[in-house]
């Protein structure tokens, strides 16, 4: 039995190089692994969010690499006044001008 990480790596590499394909095509591309090994690896990778498994037709499944999701990173820059970030400080200035007008 082959290690799970090597099967997962082979699946990712194949999909990156050759693009999305049906589950059957992927099985055909990776004849060194059994159906159950490939299926278990795809199941794990799809649960982790690394792969997307779609059901486009009644009898086929399509496997593809998951799109990279942008991660939210809060701004590291802070203003000296009260620890607020730069944008909220500007909003306060605009708000004060409107109130005084």
PDB file of N, CA and C in Angstrom:
ATOM      1  N   UNK A   1       0.847  -1.193   0.000  1.00  0.00           N
ATOM      2  CA  UNK A   1       0.000   0.000   0.000  1.00  0.00           C
ATOM      3  C   UNK A   1       0.881   1.240   0.000  1.00  0.00           C
ATOM      4  N   UNK A   2       0.540   2.207  -0.823  1.00  0.00           N
ATOM      5  CA  UNK A   2       1.286   3.448  -0.972  1.00  0.00           C
ATOM      6  C   UNK A   2       0.825   4.457   0.068  1.00  0.00           C
ATOM      7  N   UNK A   3       1.739   5.349   0.471  1.00  0.00           N
ATOM      8  CA  UNK A   3       1.377   6.342   1.486  1.00  0.00           C
ATOM      9  C   UNK A   3       0.357   7.337   0.926  1.00  0.00           C
ATOM     10  N   UNK A   4      -0.495   7.797   1.812  1.00  0.00           N
ATOM     11  CA  UNK A   4      -1.548   8.739   1.428  1.00  0.00           C
ATOM     12  C   UNK A   4      -0.967  10.034   0.871  1.00  0.00           C
ATOM     13  N   UNK A   5       0.118  10.523   1.481  1.00  0.00           N
ATOM     14  CA  UNK A   5       0.692  11.791   1.014  1.00  0.00           C
ATOM     15  C   UNK A   5       1.255  11.667  -0.402  1.00  0.00           C
ATOM     16  N   UNK A   6       1.803  10.508  -0.778  1.00  0.00           N
ATOM     17  CA  UNK A   6       2.324  10.369  -2.138  1.00  0.00           C
ATOM     18  C   UNK A   6       1.183  10.284  -3.158  1.00  0.00           C
ATOM     19  N   UNK A   7       0.080   9.676  -2.780  1.00  0.00           N
ATOM     20  CA  UNK A   7      -1.088   9.623  -3.665  1.00  0.00           C
ATOM     21  C   UNK A   7      -1.664  11.027  -3.836  1.00  0.00           C
ATOM     22  N   UNK A   8      -1.797  11.753  -2.731  1.00  0.00           N
ATOM     23  CA  UNK A   8      -2.317  13.115  -2.793  1.00  0.00           C
ATOM     24  C   UNK A   8      -1.413  14.001  -3.642  1.00  0.00           C
ATOM     25  N   UNK A   9      -0.121  13.846  -3.482  1.00  0.00           N
ATOM     26  CA  UNK A   9       0.828  14.625  -4.282  1.00  0.00           C
ATOM     27  C   UNK A   9       0.700  14.290  -5.766  1.00  0.00           C
ATOM     28  N   UNK A  10       0.542  13.008  -6.095  1.00  0.00           N
ATOM     29  CA  UNK A  10       0.386  12.598  -7.490  1.00  0.00           C
ATOM     30  C   UNK A  10      -0.895  13.171  -8.083  1.00  0.00           C
ATOM     31  N   UNK A  11      -1.966  13.198  -7.313  1.00  0.00           N
ATOM     32  CA  UNK A  11      -3.245  13.748  -7.780  1.00  0.00           C
ATOM     33  C   UNK A  11      -3.109  15.243  -8.035  1.00  0.00           C
ATOM     34  N   UNK A  12      -2.548  15.977  -7.058  1.00  0.00           N
ATOM     35  CA  UNK A  12      -2.371  17.424  -7.217  1.00  0.00           C
ATOM     36  C   UNK A  12      -1.499  17.738  -8.435  1.00  0.00           C
ATOM     37  N   UNK A  13      -0.381  17.025  -8.556  1.00  0.00           N
ATOM     38  CA  UNK A  13       0.536  17.262  -9.680  1.00  0.00           C
ATOM     39  C   UNK A  13      -0.160  17.022 -11.007  1.00  0.00           C
ATOM     40  N   UNK A  14      -0.898  15.924 -11.107  1.00  0.00           N
ATOM     41  CA  UNK A  14      -1.604  15.616 -12.348  1.00  0.00           C
ATOM     42  C   UNK A  14      -2.612  16.701 -12.699  1.00  0.00           C
ATOM     43  N   UNK A  15      -3.374  17.147 -11.728  1.00  0.00           N
ATOM     44  CA  UNK A  15      -4.394  18.169 -11.992  1.00  0.00           C
ATOM     45  C   UNK A  15      -3.779  19.523 -12.317  1.00  0.00           C
ATOM     46  N   UNK A  16      -2.655  19.842 -11.709  1.00  0.00           N
ATOM     47  CA  UNK A  16      -1.984  21.105 -12.013  1.00  0.00           C
ATOM     48  C   UNK A  16      -1.440  21.081 -13.441  1.00  0.00           C
ATOM     49  N   UNK A  17      -0.829  19.958 -13.818  1.00  0.00           N
ATOM     50  CA  UNK A  17      -0.227  19.860 -15.152  1.00  0.00           C
ATOM     51  C   UNK A  17      -1.247  19.678 -16.270  1.00  0.00           C
ATOM     52  N   UNK A  18      -2.284  18.890 -16.018  1.00  0.00           N
ATOM     53  CA  UNK A  18      -3.221  18.532 -17.088  1.00  0.00           C
ATOM     54  C   UNK A  18      -4.593  19.170 -16.958  1.00  0.00           C
ATOM     55  N   UNK A  19      -4.887  19.774 -15.832  1.00  0.00           N
ATOM     56  CA  UNK A  19      -6.160  20.456 -15.653  1.00  0.00           C
ATOM     57  C   UNK A  19      -7.260  19.551 -15.124  1.00  0.00           C
ATOM     58  N   UNK A  20      -8.439  20.127 -14.901  1.00  0.00           N
ATOM     59  CA  UNK A  20      -9.576  19.375 -14.372  1.00  0.00           C
ATOM     60  C   UNK A  20      -9.931  18.195 -15.270  1.00  0.00           C
ATOM     61  N   UNK A  21     -10.480  17.169 -14.660  1.00  0.00           N
ATOM     62  CA  UNK A  21     -10.884  15.993 -15.428  1.00  0.00           C
ATOM     63  C   UNK A  21     -11.937  15.224 -14.640  1.00  0.00           C
ATOM     64  N   UNK A  22     -12.516  14.234 -15.293  1.00  0.00           N
ATOM     65  CA  UNK A  22     -13.475  13.384 -14.597  1.00  0.00           C
ATOM     66  C   UNK A  22     -12.726  12.455 -13.658  1.00  0.00           C
ATOM     67  N   UNK A  23     -13.429  11.930 -12.709  1.00  0.00           N
ATOM     68  CA  UNK A  23     -12.839  10.983 -11.774  1.00  0.00           C
ATOM     69  C   UNK A  23     -12.290   9.771 -12.528  1.00  0.00           C
ATOM     70  N   UNK A  24     -13.030   9.295 -13.515  1.00  0.00           N
ATOM     71  CA  UNK A  24     -12.579   8.132 -14.292  1.00  0.00           C
ATOM     72  C   UNK A  24     -11.303   8.452 -15.067  1.00  0.00           C
ATOM     73  N   UNK A  25     -11.213   9.651 -15.647  1.00  0.00           N
ATOM     74  CA  UNK A  25     -10.003  10.040 -16.372  1.00  0.00           C
ATOM     75  C   UNK A  25      -8.812  10.108 -15.424  1.00  0.00           C
ATOM     76  N   UNK A  26      -9.028  10.623 -14.223  1.00  0.00           N
ATOM     77  CA  UNK A  26      -7.949  10.690 -13.242  1.00  0.00           C
ATOM     78  C   UNK A  26      -7.490   9.293 -12.857  1.00  0.00           C
ATOM     79  N   UNK A  27      -8.439   8.399 -12.668  1.00  0.00           N
ATOM     80  CA  UNK A  27      -8.084   7.004 -12.369  1.00  0.00           C
ATOM     81  C   UNK A  27      -7.269   6.392 -13.503  1.00  0.00           C
ATOM     82  N   UNK A  28      -7.623   6.706 -14.726  1.00  0.00           N
ATOM     83  CA  UNK A  28      -6.884   6.199 -15.889  1.00  0.00           C
ATOM     84  C   UNK A  28      -5.486   6.800 -15.968  1.00  0.00           C
ATOM     85  N   UNK A  29      -5.341   8.066 -15.550  1.00  0.00           N
ATOM     86  CA  UNK A  29      -4.048   8.739 -15.578  1.00  0.00           C
ATOM     87  C   UNK A  29      -3.103   8.228 -14.495  1.00  0.00           C
ATOM     88  N   UNK A  30      -3.660   7.646 -13.449  1.00  0.00           N
ATOM     89  CA  UNK A  30      -2.854   7.183 -12.311  1.00  0.00           C
ATOM     90  C   UNK A  30      -3.025   5.672 -12.104  1.00  0.00           C
ATOM     91  N   UNK A  31      -2.611   4.870 -13.084  1.00  0.00           N
ATOM     92  CA  UNK A  31      -2.864   3.427 -12.992  1.00  0.00           C
ATOM     93  C   UNK A  31      -2.069   2.728 -11.881  1.00  0.00           C
ATOM     94  N   UNK A  32      -1.056   3.383 -11.349  1.00  0.00           N
ATOM     95  CA  UNK A  32      -0.256   2.772 -10.286  1.00  0.00           C
ATOM     96  C   UNK A  32      -0.984   2.716  -8.948  1.00  0.00           C
ATOM     97  N   UNK A  33      -2.122   3.429  -8.857  1.00  0.00           N
ATOM     98  CA  UNK A  33      -2.905   3.438  -7.619  1.00  0.00           C
ATOM     99  C   UNK A  33      -4.244   2.753  -7.843  1.00  0.00           C
ATOM    100  N   UNK A  34      -4.755   2.143  -6.794  1.00  0.00           N
ATOM    101  CA  UNK A  34      -6.064   1.485  -6.891  1.00  0.00           C
ATOM    102  C   UNK A  34      -7.177   2.532  -6.840  1.00  0.00           C
ATOM    103  N   UNK A  35      -8.368   2.109  -7.245  1.00  0.00           N
ATOM    104  CA  UNK A  35      -9.535   2.979  -7.206  1.00  0.00           C
ATOM    105  C   UNK A  35      -9.767   3.478  -5.789  1.00  0.00           C
ATOM    106  N   UNK A  36      -9.676   2.594  -4.807  1.00  0.00           N
ATOM    107  CA  UNK A  36      -9.963   2.975  -3.422  1.00  0.00           C
ATOM    108  C   UNK A  36      -8.907   3.946  -2.874  1.00  0.00           C
ATOM    109  N   UNK A  37      -7.640   3.793  -3.284  1.00  0.00           N
ATOM    110  CA  UNK A  37      -6.604   4.713  -2.841  1.00  0.00           C
ATOM    111  C   UNK A  37      -6.850   6.114  -3.400  1.00  0.00           C
ATOM    112  N   UNK A  38      -7.163   6.206  -4.673  1.00  0.00           N
ATOM    113  CA  UNK A  38      -7.420   7.498  -5.308  1.00  0.00           C
ATOM    114  C   UNK A  38      -8.674   8.129  -4.713  1.00  0.00           C
ATOM    115  N   UNK A  39      -9.718   7.342  -4.560  1.00  0.00           N
ATOM    116  CA  UNK A  39     -10.966   7.870  -4.019  1.00  0.00           C
ATOM    117  C   UNK A  39     -10.770   8.400  -2.599  1.00  0.00           C
ATOM    118  N   UNK A  40     -10.054   7.654  -1.758  1.00  0.00           N
ATOM    119  CA  UNK A  40      -9.814   8.086  -0.377  1.00  0.00           C
ATOM    120  C   UNK A  40      -8.997   9.384  -0.342  1.00  0.00           C
ATOM    121  N   UNK A  41      -8.000   9.487  -1.218  1.00  0.00           N
ATOM    122  CA  UNK A  41      -7.180  10.697  -1.273  1.00  0.00           C
ATOM    123  C   UNK A  41      -8.000  11.890  -1.754  1.00  0.00           C
ATOM    124  N   UNK A  42      -8.828  11.694  -2.767  1.00  0.00           N
ATOM    125  CA  UNK A  42      -9.689  12.774  -3.267  1.00  0.00           C
ATOM    126  C   UNK A  42     -10.671  13.204  -2.183  1.00  0.00           C
ATOM    127  N   UNK A  43     -11.225  12.252  -1.474  1.00  0.00           N
ATOM    128  CA  UNK A  43     -12.156  12.564  -0.393  1.00  0.00           C
ATOM    129  C   UNK A  43     -11.480  13.442   0.654  1.00  0.00           C
ATOM    130  N   UNK A  44     -10.281  13.071   1.073  1.00  0.00           N
ATOM    131  CA  UNK A  44      -9.553  13.847   2.082  1.00  0.00           C
ATOM    132  C   UNK A  44      -9.197  15.236   1.565  1.00  0.00           C
ATOM    133  N   UNK A  45      -8.686  15.318   0.341  1.00  0.00           N
ATOM    134  CA  UNK A  45      -8.296  16.614  -0.233  1.00  0.00           C
ATOM    135  C   UNK A  45      -9.504  17.540  -0.424  1.00  0.00           C
ATOM    136  N   UNK A  46     -10.638  16.971  -0.788  1.00  0.00           N
ATOM    137  CA  UNK A  46     -11.827  17.816  -0.972  1.00  0.00           C
ATOM    138  C   UNK A  46     -12.360  18.294   0.373  1.00  0.00           C
ATOM    139  N   UNK A  47     -12.252  17.481   1.402  1.00  0.00           N
ATOM    140  CA  UNK A  47     -12.677  17.914   2.743  1.00  0.00           C
ATOM    141  C   UNK A  47     -11.782  19.018   3.285  1.00  0.00           C
ATOM    142  N   UNK A  48     -10.488  18.973   2.911  1.00  0.00           N
ATOM    143  CA  UNK A  48      -9.541  20.012   3.330  1.00  0.00           C
ATOM    144  C   UNK A  48      -9.715  21.298   2.523  1.00  0.00           C
ATOM    145  N   UNK A  49     -10.383  21.197   1.383  1.00  0.00           N
ATOM    146  CA  UNK A  49     -10.566  22.358   0.527  1.00  0.00           C
ATOM    147  C   UNK A  49      -9.497  22.506  -0.545  1.00  0.00           C
ATOM    148  N   UNK A  50      -8.619  21.499  -0.698  1.00  0.00           N
ATOM    149  CA  UNK A  50      -7.557  21.563  -1.709  1.00  0.00           C
ATOM    150  C   UNK A  50      -8.068  21.232  -3.097  1.00  0.00           C
ATOM    151  N   UNK A  51      -9.086  20.376  -3.156  1.00  0.00           N
ATOM    152  CA  UNK A  51      -9.688  19.968  -4.419  1.00  0.00           C
ATOM    153  C   UNK A  51     -11.171  20.287  -4.404  1.00  0.00           C
ATOM    154  N   UNK A  52     -11.712  20.429  -5.603  1.00  0.00           N
ATOM    155  CA  UNK A  52     -13.153  20.604  -5.753  1.00  0.00           C
ATOM    156  C   UNK A  52     -13.668  19.399  -6.523  1.00  0.00           C
ATOM    157  N   UNK A  53     -14.699  18.792  -6.006  1.00  0.00           N
ATOM    158  CA  UNK A  53     -15.333  17.648  -6.645  1.00  0.00           C
ATOM    159  C   UNK A  53     -16.733  18.077  -7.054  1.00  0.00           C
ATOM    160  N   UNK A  54     -16.991  18.097  -8.359  1.00  0.00           N
ATOM    161  CA  UNK A  54     -18.295  18.521  -8.888  1.00  0.00           C
ATOM    162  C   UNK A  54     -19.001  17.328  -9.504  1.00  0.00           C
ATOM    163  N   UNK A  55     -20.298  17.446  -9.613  1.00  0.00           N
ATOM    164  CA  UNK A  55     -21.138  16.392 -10.195  1.00  0.00           C
ATOM    165  C   UNK A  55     -21.882  16.995 -11.387  1.00  0.00           C
ATOM    166  N   UNK A  56     -21.165  17.251 -12.521  1.00  0.00           N
ATOM    167  CA  UNK A  56     -21.771  17.984 -13.634  1.00  0.00           C
ATOM    168  C   UNK A  56     -22.833  17.202 -14.402  1.00  0.00           C
ATOM    169  N   UNK A  57     -22.715  15.885 -14.444  1.00  0.00           N
ATOM    170  CA  UNK A  57     -23.718  15.059 -15.117  1.00  0.00           C
ATOM    171  C   UNK A  57     -24.135  13.940 -14.192  1.00  0.00           C
ATOM    172  N   UNK A  58     -25.132  13.242 -14.596  1.00  0.00           N
ATOM    173  CA  UNK A  58     -25.707  12.205 -13.745  1.00  0.00           C
ATOM    174  C   UNK A  58     -24.699  11.122 -13.341  1.00  0.00           C
ATOM    175  N   UNK A  59     -23.797  10.778 -14.241  1.00  0.00           N
ATOM    176  CA  UNK A  59     -22.895   9.664 -13.968  1.00  0.00           C
ATOM    177  C   UNK A  59     -21.428  10.047 -13.815  1.00  0.00           C
ATOM    178  N   UNK A  60     -21.090  11.321 -13.931  1.00  0.00           N
ATOM    179  CA  UNK A  60     -19.694  11.738 -13.868  1.00  0.00           C
ATOM    180  C   UNK A  60     -19.426  12.667 -12.698  1.00  0.00           C
ATOM    181  N   UNK A  61     -18.206  12.592 -12.204  1.00  0.00           N
ATOM    182  CA  UNK A  61     -17.699  13.548 -11.229  1.00  0.00           C
ATOM    183  C   UNK A  61     -16.486  14.212 -11.857  1.00  0.00           C
ATOM    184  N   UNK A  62     -16.338  15.511 -11.645  1.00  0.00           N
ATOM    185  CA  UNK A  62     -15.187  16.247 -12.149  1.00  0.00           C
ATOM    186  C   UNK A  62     -14.330  16.665 -10.961  1.00  0.00           C
ATOM    187  N   UNK A  63     -13.030  16.479 -11.108  1.00  0.00           N
ATOM    188  CA  UNK A  63     -12.079  16.812 -10.056  1.00  0.00           C
ATOM    189  C   UNK A  63     -11.219  17.968 -10.552  1.00  0.00           C
ATOM    190  N   UNK A  64     -11.014  18.972  -9.700  1.00  0.00           N
ATOM    191  CA  UNK A  64     -10.153  20.096 -10.065  1.00  0.00           C
ATOM    192  C   UNK A  64      -9.488  20.648  -8.817  1.00  0.00           C
ATOM    193  N   UNK A  65      -8.425  21.396  -9.042  1.00  0.00           N
ATOM    194  CA  UNK A  65      -7.744  22.086  -7.947  1.00  0.00           C
ATOM    195  C   UNK A  65      -8.655  23.213  -7.478  1.00  0.00           C
ATOM    196  N   UNK A  66      -8.777  23.372  -6.171  1.00  0.00           N
ATOM    197  CA  UNK A  66      -9.614  24.441  -5.619  1.00  0.00           C
ATOM    198  C   UNK A  66      -8.980  25.796  -5.902  1.00  0.00           C
ATOM    199  N   UNK A  67      -9.792  26.796  -6.215  1.00  0.00           N
ATOM    200  CA  UNK A  67      -9.233  28.132  -6.410  1.00  0.00           C
ATOM    201  C   UNK A  67      -8.659  28.655  -5.095  1.00  0.00           C
ATOM    202  N   UNK A  68      -7.632  29.439  -5.199  1.00  0.00           N
ATOM    203  CA  UNK A  68      -7.005  30.008  -4.011  1.00  0.00           C
ATOM    204  C   UNK A  68      -7.897  31.122  -3.486  1.00  0.00           C
ATOM    205  N   UNK A  69      -8.246  31.018  -2.226  1.00  0.00           N
ATOM    206  CA  UNK A  69      -9.087  32.030  -1.598  1.00  0.00           C
ATOM    207  C   UNK A  69      -8.206  33.100  -0.975  1.00  0.00           C
ATOM    208  N   UNK A  70      -8.467  34.372  -1.273  1.00  0.00           N
ATOM    209  CA  UNK A  70      -7.663  35.419  -0.640  1.00  0.00           C
ATOM    210  C   UNK A  70      -7.912  35.432   0.859  1.00  0.00           C
ATOM    211  N   UNK A  71      -6.867  35.649   1.619  1.00  0.00           N
ATOM    212  CA  UNK A  71      -7.023  35.707   3.067  1.00  0.00           C
ATOM    213  C   UNK A  71      -7.067  37.154   3.502  1.00  0.00           C
ATOM    214  N   UNK A  72      -7.890  37.444   4.485  1.00  0.00           N
ATOM    215  CA  UNK A  72      -8.024  38.803   4.996  1.00  0.00           C
ATOM    216  C   UNK A  72      -6.888  39.053   5.980  1.00  0.00           C
ATOM    217  N   UNK A  73      -6.162  40.125   5.735  1.00  0.00           N
ATOM    218  CA  UNK A  73      -5.111  40.523   6.661  1.00  0.00           C
ATOM    219  C   UNK A  73      -5.387  41.953   7.081  1.00  0.00           C
ATOM    220  N   UNK A  74      -5.637  42.173   8.370  1.00  0.00           N
ATOM    221  CA  UNK A  74      -5.881  43.535   8.821  1.00  0.00           C
ATOM    222  C   UNK A  74      -4.632  44.386   8.627  1.00  0.00           C
ATOM    223  N   UNK A  75      -4.840  45.664   8.437  1.00  0.00           N
ATOM    224  CA  UNK A  75      -3.743  46.593   8.218  1.00  0.00           C
ATOM    225  C   UNK A  75      -2.827  46.632   9.432  1.00  0.00           C
ATOM    226  N   UNK A  76      -1.544  46.588   9.180  1.00  0.00           N
ATOM    227  CA  UNK A  76      -0.577  46.637  10.269  1.00  0.00           C
ATOM    228  C   UNK A  76      -0.310  48.068  10.698  1.00  0.00           C
ATOM    229  N   UNK A  77      -0.653  49.037   9.837  1.00  0.00           N
ATOM    230  CA  UNK A  77      -0.409  50.440  10.160  1.00  0.00           C
ATOM    231  C   UNK A  77      -1.477  50.969  11.103  1.00  0.00           C
ATOM    232  N   UNK A  78      -1.051  51.628  12.125  1.00  0.00           N
ATOM    233  CA  UNK A  78      -1.966  52.231  13.085  1.00  0.00           C
ATOM    234  C   UNK A  78      -1.596  53.698  13.252  1.00  0.00           C
ATOM    235  N   UNK A  79      -2.582  54.537  13.506  1.00  0.00           N
ATOM    236  CA  UNK A  79      -2.283  55.948  13.767  1.00  0.00           C
ATOM    237  C   UNK A  79      -1.908  56.101  15.234  1.00  0.00           C
ATOM    238  N   UNK A  80      -1.291  57.208  15.568  1.00  0.00           N
ATOM    239  CA  UNK A  80      -0.877  57.455  16.949  1.00  0.00           C
ATOM    240  C   UNK A  80      -2.054  57.830  17.834  1.00  0.00           C
ATOM    241  N   UNK A  81      -3.119  58.331  17.279  1.00  0.00           N
ATOM    242  CA  UNK A  81      -4.254  58.819  18.062  1.00  0.00           C
ATOM    243  C   UNK A  81      -5.199  57.690  18.418  1.00  0.00           C
ATOM    244  N   UNK A  82      -5.136  57.240  19.659  1.00  0.00           N
ATOM    245  CA  UNK A  82      -6.119  56.307  20.170  1.00  0.00           C
ATOM    246  C   UNK A  82      -6.018  54.883  19.637  1.00  0.00           C
ATOM    247  N   UNK A  83      -4.994  54.542  18.891  1.00  0.00           N
ATOM    248  CA  UNK A  83      -4.839  53.182  18.420  1.00  0.00           C
ATOM    249  C   UNK A  83      -5.769  52.794  17.284  1.00  0.00           C
ATOM    250  N   UNK A  84      -6.545  53.743  16.758  1.00  0.00           N
ATOM    251  CA  UNK A  84      -7.425  53.428  15.632  1.00  0.00           C
ATOM    252  C   UNK A  84      -6.600  53.282  14.380  1.00  0.00           C
ATOM    253  N   UNK A  85      -7.080  52.482  13.435  1.00  0.00           N
ATOM    254  CA  UNK A  85      -6.347  52.383  12.174  1.00  0.00           C
ATOM    255  C   UNK A  85      -6.522  53.657  11.371  1.00  0.00           C
ATOM    256  N   UNK A  86      -5.714  53.785  10.351  1.00  0.00           N
ATOM    257  CA  UNK A  86      -5.652  55.004   9.562  1.00  0.00           C
ATOM    258  C   UNK A  86      -7.005  55.386   8.949  1.00  0.00           C
ATOM    259  N   UNK A  87      -7.751  54.414   8.464  1.00  0.00           N
ATOM    260  CA  UNK A  87      -9.013  54.711   7.805  1.00  0.00           C
ATOM    261  C   UNK A  87     -10.075  55.212   8.771  1.00  0.00           C
ATOM    262  N   UNK A  88     -10.163  54.607   9.950  1.00  0.00           N
ATOM    263  CA  UNK A  88     -11.190  55.067  10.879  1.00  0.00           C
ATOM    264  C   UNK A  88     -10.847  56.455  11.410  1.00  0.00           C
ATOM    265  N   UNK A  89      -9.561  56.778  11.516  1.00  0.00           N
ATOM    266  CA  UNK A  89      -9.159  58.119  11.919  1.00  0.00           C
ATOM    267  C   UNK A  89      -9.635  59.146  10.911  1.00  0.00           C
ATOM    268  N   UNK A  90      -9.519  58.840   9.638  1.00  0.00           N
ATOM    269  CA  UNK A  90      -9.985  59.741   8.589  1.00  0.00           C
ATOM    270  C   UNK A  90     -11.504  59.872   8.627  1.00  0.00           C
ATOM    271  N   UNK A  91     -12.186  58.800   8.898  1.00  0.00           N
ATOM    272  CA  UNK A  91     -13.647  58.848   8.964  1.00  0.00           C
ATOM    273  C   UNK A  91     -14.088  59.751  10.103  1.00  0.00           C
ATOM    274  N   UNK A  92     -13.357  59.730  11.219  1.00  0.00           N
ATOM    275  CA  UNK A  92     -13.690  60.607  12.348  1.00  0.00           C
ATOM    276  C   UNK A  92     -13.549  62.072  11.962  1.00  0.00           C
ATOM    277  N   UNK A  93     -12.497  62.394  11.197  1.00  0.00           N
ATOM    278  CA  UNK A  93     -12.281  63.773  10.768  1.00  0.00           C
ATOM    279  C   UNK A  93     -13.417  64.230   9.869  1.00  0.00           C
ATOM    280  N   UNK A  94     -13.793  63.391   8.924  1.00  0.00           N
ATOM    281  CA  UNK A  94     -14.873  63.729   8.015  1.00  0.00           C
ATOM    282  C   UNK A  94     -16.166  63.902   8.794  1.00  0.00           C
ATOM    283  N   UNK A  95     -16.435  63.028   9.742  1.00  0.00           N
ATOM    284  CA  UNK A  95     -17.643  63.090  10.550  1.00  0.00           C
ATOM    285  C   UNK A  95     -17.679  64.375  11.359  1.00  0.00           C
ATOM    286  N   UNK A  96     -16.560  64.782  11.960  1.00  0.00           N
ATOM    287  CA  UNK A  96     -16.507  66.014  12.766  1.00  0.00           C
ATOM    288  C   UNK A  96     -16.778  67.238  11.903  1.00  0.00           C
ATOM    289  N   UNK A  97     -16.256  67.254  10.678  1.00  0.00           N
ATOM    290  CA  UNK A  97     -16.490  68.384   9.786  1.00  0.00           C
ATOM    291  C   UNK A  97     -17.963  68.496   9.435  1.00  0.00           C
ATOM    292  N   UNK A  98     -18.634  67.380   9.195  1.00  0.00           N
ATOM    293  CA  UNK A  98     -20.047  67.421   8.859  1.00  0.00           C
ATOM    294  C   UNK A  98     -20.884  67.901  10.020  1.00  0.00           C
ATOM    295  N   UNK A  99     -20.541  67.482  11.227  1.00  0.00           N
ATOM    296  CA  UNK A  99     -21.306  67.875  12.405  1.00  0.00           C
ATOM    297  C   UNK A  99     -21.162  69.360  12.668  1.00  0.00           C
ATOM    298  N   UNK A 100     -19.962  69.915  12.486  1.00  0.00           N
ATOM    299  CA  UNK A 100     -19.741  71.321  12.771  1.00  0.00           C
ATOM    300  C   UNK A 100     -20.307  72.232  11.684  1.00  0.00           C
ATOM    301  N   UNK A 101     -20.590  71.717  10.536  1.00  0.00           N
ATOM    302  CA  UNK A 101     -21.062  72.546   9.422  1.00  0.00           C
ATOM    303  C   UNK A 101     -22.524  72.923   9.564  1.00  0.00           C
TER     304      UNK A 101
END
